[in-house]
Amino acid sequence: MDIKHSLDELKKISLSMFRKNFFGVFHGSISSRVEGNQFLINKQNAIFDDLKDSDMVLLSSKQDYRWNEASMDAFIHLNIYKNLNEAKYICYTMPHYATAYGIKHDFIRPKDYFGCMKFGEISVYDPKQFDDWYERAGTEIYRYMIEKNSNIMVIKGYGVYAFGRTPQQLAKDIAILENSCKLLELSFTN
């Protein structure tokens, strides 16, 4: 895939996801596989509603000086790309309803049509402790996705990891999940 095309796609989808509160100002990560073992990922201080070419860094599996600028999630993205061939785009987001719902429940069972058709049921992954989460996350996330045969992972108290073949699929899956969790939450309060 062309680097310029990937940059343009990431900037466009990042803005859309930021506007839906899936990303914070400096919170989250988004990447695109460019070719082979290379991928573009946001830098640590990227602001997701106004990503520029300079906010992205091209990485490969060989960790060099560029890794120092990259999002702290870069190793997690690398492991997903290495182990899941169908992953072309990856994001880490913290959508409010899905994250909050995941704190209170072990499973997400959408009751709306789109969530039910897309996901059926999603188990919420409990990392148990956060002290060493980033040491374990690089392995636990891709293993979960393989084991559950899922492109999405809701992590209790942390957020959502997802991958897709297109940036639109990535955003759509997060949006369906978030809407389903919002509807579940609203239906329980009324």
Protein backbone atom coordinates (compact mmCIF):
# COMPACT_ATOMS: atom_id res chain seq x y z
CA MET A 1 0.00 0.00 0.00
CA ASP A 2 1.19 3.51 -0.82
CA ILE A 3 2.46 5.49 2.22
CA LYS A 4 0.76 8.73 1.13
CA HIS A 5 -2.57 6.92 0.66
CA SER A 6 -2.21 5.32 4.12
CA LEU A 7 -1.43 8.69 5.71
CA ASP A 8 -4.49 10.27 4.11
CA GLU A 9 -6.74 7.41 5.19
CA LEU A 10 -5.44 7.49 8.78
CA LYS A 11 -5.90 11.26 9.06
CA LYS A 12 -9.46 11.09 7.74
CA ILE A 13 -10.60 8.19 9.91
CA SER A 14 -8.80 9.56 12.98
CA LEU A 15 -10.75 12.82 12.78
CA SER A 16 -14.02 10.94 12.44
CA MET A 17 -13.23 8.70 15.41
CA PHE A 18 -12.08 11.67 17.50
CA ARG A 19 -15.36 13.45 16.84
CA LYS A 20 -17.20 10.39 18.18
CA ASN A 21 -15.07 10.48 21.38
CA PHE A 22 -13.28 7.23 20.57
CA PHE A 23 -9.92 9.00 20.92
CA GLY A 24 -8.84 11.55 23.49
CA VAL A 25 -6.60 14.51 22.70
CA PHE A 26 -3.45 12.48 23.38
CA HIS A 27 -5.14 9.17 24.14
CA GLY A 28 -5.27 6.23 21.75
CA SER A 29 -3.40 4.89 18.76
CA ILE A 30 -4.05 4.16 15.12
CA SER A 31 -1.89 2.45 12.52
CA SER A 32 -1.80 1.06 9.02
CA ARG A 33 0.25 -1.77 7.57
CA VAL A 34 2.17 -0.36 4.62
CA GLU A 35 3.95 -3.42 3.28
CA GLY A 36 5.54 -6.53 4.70
CA ASN A 37 6.69 -5.74 8.20
CA GLN A 38 6.34 -1.94 7.93
CA PHE A 39 3.51 0.07 9.45
CA LEU A 40 2.60 3.70 10.07
CA ILE A 41 1.55 4.63 13.62
CA ASN A 42 0.91 7.89 15.40
CA LYS A 43 3.63 9.49 17.47
CA GLN A 44 3.30 9.83 21.25
CA ASN A 45 2.05 13.42 21.21
CA ALA A 46 -0.31 13.17 18.26
CA ILE A 47 -3.59 15.06 18.49
CA PHE A 48 -6.17 12.90 16.76
CA ASP A 49 -8.52 15.59 15.49
CA ASP A 50 -5.74 17.20 13.45
CA LEU A 51 -3.24 14.52 12.50
CA LYS A 52 -0.50 15.72 10.20
CA ASP A 53 2.02 13.69 8.23
CA SER A 54 4.61 14.71 10.83
CA ASP A 55 2.47 13.13 13.59
CA MET A 56 3.02 9.69 12.09
CA VAL A 57 6.09 7.49 12.06
CA LEU A 58 6.99 4.55 9.82
CA LEU A 59 8.20 1.54 11.81
CA SER A 60 9.38 -1.96 11.03
CA SER A 61 9.95 -4.96 13.27
CA LYS A 62 13.56 -3.83 13.70
CA GLN A 63 13.42 -1.48 16.65
CA ASP A 64 15.48 1.61 15.90
CA TYR A 65 15.48 5.27 17.03
CA ARG A 66 12.04 5.87 15.45
CA TRP A 67 10.44 3.65 18.07
CA ASN A 68 11.30 6.31 20.69
CA GLU A 69 8.87 8.74 19.01
CA ALA A 70 6.11 6.23 18.36
CA SER A 71 2.98 5.64 20.40
CA MET A 72 3.53 3.50 23.47
CA ASP A 73 1.16 1.03 21.77
CA ALA A 74 3.54 0.40 18.84
CA PHE A 75 4.72 -2.99 20.12
CA ILE A 76 1.11 -4.16 20.50
CA HIS A 77 0.33 -3.08 16.93
CA LEU A 78 3.47 -4.81 15.64
CA ASN A 79 2.49 -8.11 17.28
CA ILE A 80 -1.03 -7.94 15.85
CA TYR A 81 0.38 -7.32 12.35
CA LYS A 82 2.90 -10.15 12.74
CA ASN A 83 0.31 -12.68 13.91
CA LEU A 84 -2.90 -11.70 12.11
CA ASN A 85 -2.47 -11.39 8.34
CA GLU A 86 -5.94 -9.91 7.87
CA ALA A 87 -5.04 -6.90 10.04
CA LYS A 88 -4.39 -3.94 7.73
CA TYR A 89 -5.50 -1.18 10.14
CA ILE A 90 -5.40 -1.22 13.96
CA CYS A 91 -6.65 1.14 16.61
CA TYR A 92 -6.71 1.42 20.36
CA THR A 93 -9.64 3.53 21.54
CA MET A 94 -11.48 4.29 24.73
CA PRO A 95 -15.12 4.76 23.71
CA HIS A 96 -16.98 5.86 26.82
CA TYR A 97 -19.97 3.53 26.83
CA ALA A 98 -18.10 0.39 25.76
CA THR A 99 -15.34 1.00 28.29
CA ALA A 100 -17.79 1.78 31.12
CA TYR A 101 -20.03 -1.18 30.25
CA GLY A 102 -16.97 -3.45 30.20
CA ILE A 103 -16.02 -2.39 33.73
CA LYS A 104 -19.37 -3.59 35.08
CA HIS A 105 -19.90 -6.73 32.96
CA ASP A 106 -18.00 -9.84 31.86
CA PHE A 107 -19.88 -10.07 28.55
CA ILE A 108 -21.40 -7.62 26.13
CA ARG A 109 -24.58 -9.04 24.64
CA PRO A 110 -26.00 -6.44 22.27
CA LYS A 111 -29.80 -6.21 22.15
CA ASP A 112 -29.91 -3.96 19.09
CA TYR A 113 -30.08 -5.36 15.58
CA PHE A 114 -26.70 -4.12 14.28
CA GLY A 115 -24.73 -5.11 17.39
CA CYS A 116 -26.39 -8.49 17.60
CA MET A 117 -25.78 -9.24 13.92
CA LYS A 118 -22.17 -8.03 14.00
CA PHE A 119 -20.96 -9.37 17.34
CA GLY A 120 -23.50 -11.69 18.93
CA GLU A 121 -21.61 -11.74 22.21
CA ILE A 122 -18.25 -10.29 23.21
CA SER A 123 -16.42 -11.45 26.30
CA VAL A 124 -14.74 -8.65 28.23
CA TYR A 125 -11.07 -9.39 28.88
CA ASP A 126 -9.96 -8.79 32.46
CA PRO A 127 -6.23 -7.95 32.67
CA LYS A 128 -6.52 -8.53 36.46
CA GLN A 129 -3.90 -5.93 37.32
CA PHE A 130 -2.61 -2.85 35.59
CA ASP A 131 0.87 -2.76 37.19
CA ASP A 132 2.44 -4.87 34.46
CA TRP A 133 -0.24 -4.56 31.76
CA TYR A 134 2.01 -2.99 29.12
CA GLU A 135 4.56 -5.76 29.60
CA ARG A 136 1.86 -8.38 28.94
CA ALA A 137 -0.41 -6.55 26.49
CA GLY A 138 1.75 -7.11 23.41
CA THR A 139 1.22 -10.85 23.73
CA GLU A 140 -2.17 -11.13 25.45
CA ILE A 141 -4.03 -8.95 22.94
CA TYR A 142 -3.09 -10.77 19.73
CA ARG A 143 -3.50 -14.17 21.45
CA TYR A 144 -6.99 -13.23 22.59
CA MET A 145 -7.93 -12.14 19.06
CA ILE A 146 -6.67 -15.43 17.62
CA GLU A 147 -8.29 -17.56 20.35
CA LYS A 148 -11.67 -15.79 20.07
CA ASN A 149 -11.40 -15.43 16.27
CA SER A 150 -12.30 -11.78 16.75
CA ASN A 151 -11.09 -8.51 15.33
CA ILE A 152 -12.18 -6.64 18.45
CA MET A 153 -11.18 -6.89 22.11
CA VAL A 154 -12.83 -5.04 24.97
CA ILE A 155 -10.44 -4.79 27.91
CA LYS A 156 -11.92 -4.11 31.35
CA GLY A 157 -11.03 -0.62 32.54
CA TYR A 158 -8.70 0.00 29.61
CA GLY A 159 -10.59 0.32 26.34
CA VAL A 160 -10.92 -1.40 22.98
CA TYR A 161 -8.41 -2.81 20.50
CA ALA A 162 -9.64 -3.53 17.00
CA PHE A 163 -8.28 -4.31 13.57
CA GLY A 164 -9.82 -4.22 10.13
CA ARG A 165 -9.03 -4.64 6.46
CA THR A 166 -10.08 -1.04 5.76
CA PRO A 167 -10.12 2.08 7.93
CA GLN A 168 -13.87 2.35 7.34
CA GLN A 169 -14.43 -1.17 8.70
CA LEU A 170 -12.34 -0.30 11.74
CA ALA A 171 -14.37 2.82 12.52
CA LYS A 172 -17.67 1.08 11.77
CA ASP A 173 -16.94 -1.82 14.16
CA ILE A 174 -16.02 0.56 16.99
CA ALA A 175 -19.13 2.67 16.27
CA ILE A 176 -21.45 -0.37 16.30
CA LEU A 177 -19.91 -1.60 19.55
CA GLU A 178 -20.18 1.83 21.17
CA ASN A 179 -23.78 2.30 20.05
CA SER A 180 -24.73 -1.17 21.32
CA CYS A 181 -23.19 -0.47 24.72
CA LYS A 182 -24.90 2.92 24.87
CA LEU A 183 -28.26 1.32 24.13
CA LEU A 184 -27.65 -1.41 26.73
CA GLU A 185 -26.75 1.20 29.32
CA LEU A 186 -29.75 3.38 28.52
CA SER A 187 -32.14 0.44 28.55
CA PHE A 188 -30.96 -0.57 32.04
CA THR A 189 -31.43 2.91 33.47
CA ASN A 190 -35.03 3.26 32.25
